[in-house]
Protein backbone atom coordinates (compact mmCIF):
# COMPACT_ATOMS: atom_id res chain seq x y z
CA MET A 1 9.36 -8.18 -20.54
CA PRO A 2 9.97 -8.04 -16.77
CA ILE A 3 7.80 -10.07 -14.42
CA PRO A 4 5.29 -7.80 -12.65
CA MET A 5 5.54 -7.43 -8.89
CA SER A 6 3.20 -9.51 -6.74
CA SER A 7 0.71 -7.90 -4.39
CA ARG A 8 2.95 -8.90 -1.45
CA GLN A 9 5.99 -7.25 -3.06
CA ILE A 10 3.99 -4.10 -3.70
CA ALA A 11 2.70 -4.13 -0.11
CA ASP A 12 6.29 -4.52 1.12
CA ASP A 13 7.38 -1.58 -1.05
CA LEU A 14 4.50 0.60 0.18
CA THR A 15 5.34 -0.44 3.75
CA ALA A 16 8.94 0.68 3.23
CA ARG A 17 7.79 3.97 1.71
CA ILE A 18 5.43 4.63 4.64
CA ARG A 19 8.00 3.69 7.26
CA GLY A 20 10.59 5.77 5.40
CA HIS A 21 8.20 8.74 5.59
CA GLU A 22 7.81 9.08 1.83
CA TYR A 23 4.09 8.92 2.64
CA GLN A 24 3.30 10.78 5.88
CA ALA A 25 0.69 9.90 8.53
CA GLY A 26 -2.70 11.19 7.42
CA GLU A 27 -1.59 11.59 3.80
CA LYS A 28 -3.78 10.25 1.01
CA LEU A 29 -2.09 7.61 -1.14
CA PRO A 30 -2.27 7.82 -4.93
CA THR A 31 -5.45 6.42 -6.49
CA LEU A 32 -5.75 2.73 -7.37
CA LYS A 33 -5.25 3.59 -11.04
CA GLU A 34 -2.19 5.73 -10.30
CA LEU A 35 -0.64 2.96 -8.19
CA ALA A 36 -1.48 0.36 -10.86
CA ASP A 37 0.29 2.52 -13.44
CA LEU A 38 3.24 3.13 -11.10
CA TYR A 39 3.79 -0.59 -10.49
CA SER A 40 2.64 -1.72 -13.97
CA VAL A 41 0.04 -4.12 -12.56
CA SER A 42 -3.75 -4.42 -12.53
CA VAL A 43 -5.98 -2.50 -10.16
CA SER A 44 -6.98 -5.80 -8.51
CA THR A 45 -3.31 -6.47 -7.65
CA ILE A 46 -3.13 -3.01 -6.04
CA GLN A 47 -6.33 -3.71 -4.11
CA ARG A 48 -4.78 -6.90 -2.69
CA ALA A 49 -1.58 -5.01 -1.81
CA LEU A 50 -3.55 -2.31 -0.02
CA GLU A 51 -5.45 -5.00 1.92
CA LEU A 52 -2.07 -6.21 3.18
CA THR A 53 -1.01 -2.71 4.23
CA ARG A 54 -4.34 -2.31 6.01
CA ASP A 55 -3.83 -5.66 7.77
CA ARG A 56 -0.40 -4.38 8.85
CA GLY A 57 -2.06 -1.35 10.43
CA LEU A 58 -0.41 1.08 8.02
CA THR A 59 -3.34 2.32 5.96
CA ILE A 60 -7.01 3.10 6.37
CA GLY A 61 -9.54 3.08 3.55
CA ARG A 62 -12.27 5.71 3.60
CA PRO A 63 -15.11 4.79 1.24
CA GLY A 64 -15.49 7.37 -1.48
CA ALA A 65 -12.44 9.30 -0.23
CA GLY A 66 -9.45 7.02 -0.83
CA VAL A 67 -6.75 5.26 1.15
CA TYR A 68 -4.76 7.15 3.77
CA VAL A 69 -1.66 6.43 5.83
CA ALA A 70 -2.81 5.56 9.34
CA GLU A 71 -2.19 8.25 11.96
CA GLN A 72 -1.21 5.69 14.59
CA GLN A 73 0.66 2.86 12.93
CA GLN A 74 0.89 -0.55 14.51
CA ASP A 75 4.34 -2.09 14.79
CA ALA A 76 3.40 -5.10 12.66
CA SER A 77 6.28 -6.44 10.64
CA PRO A 78 5.50 -7.92 7.23
CA SER A 79 5.31 -11.69 7.34
CA LEU A 80 8.01 -13.42 5.41
CA SER A 81 5.95 -16.44 4.43
């Protein structure tokens, strides 16, 4: 059984997808459950990953509406620590 991705690895993958325009500015990301299924991890791992993308200025959470790609993205590179 493969080792599941960490929240940082998922955040890095989502960052690459956003910067590669797979997810466009203003677009709603898949639900927590859909992302958890996509990455084969728990919803809590996805929540931590999305916190990292928010900290990077790439996403914005809207309570009751979901998580969206930020319209104006900061040029914050992922930390390599």
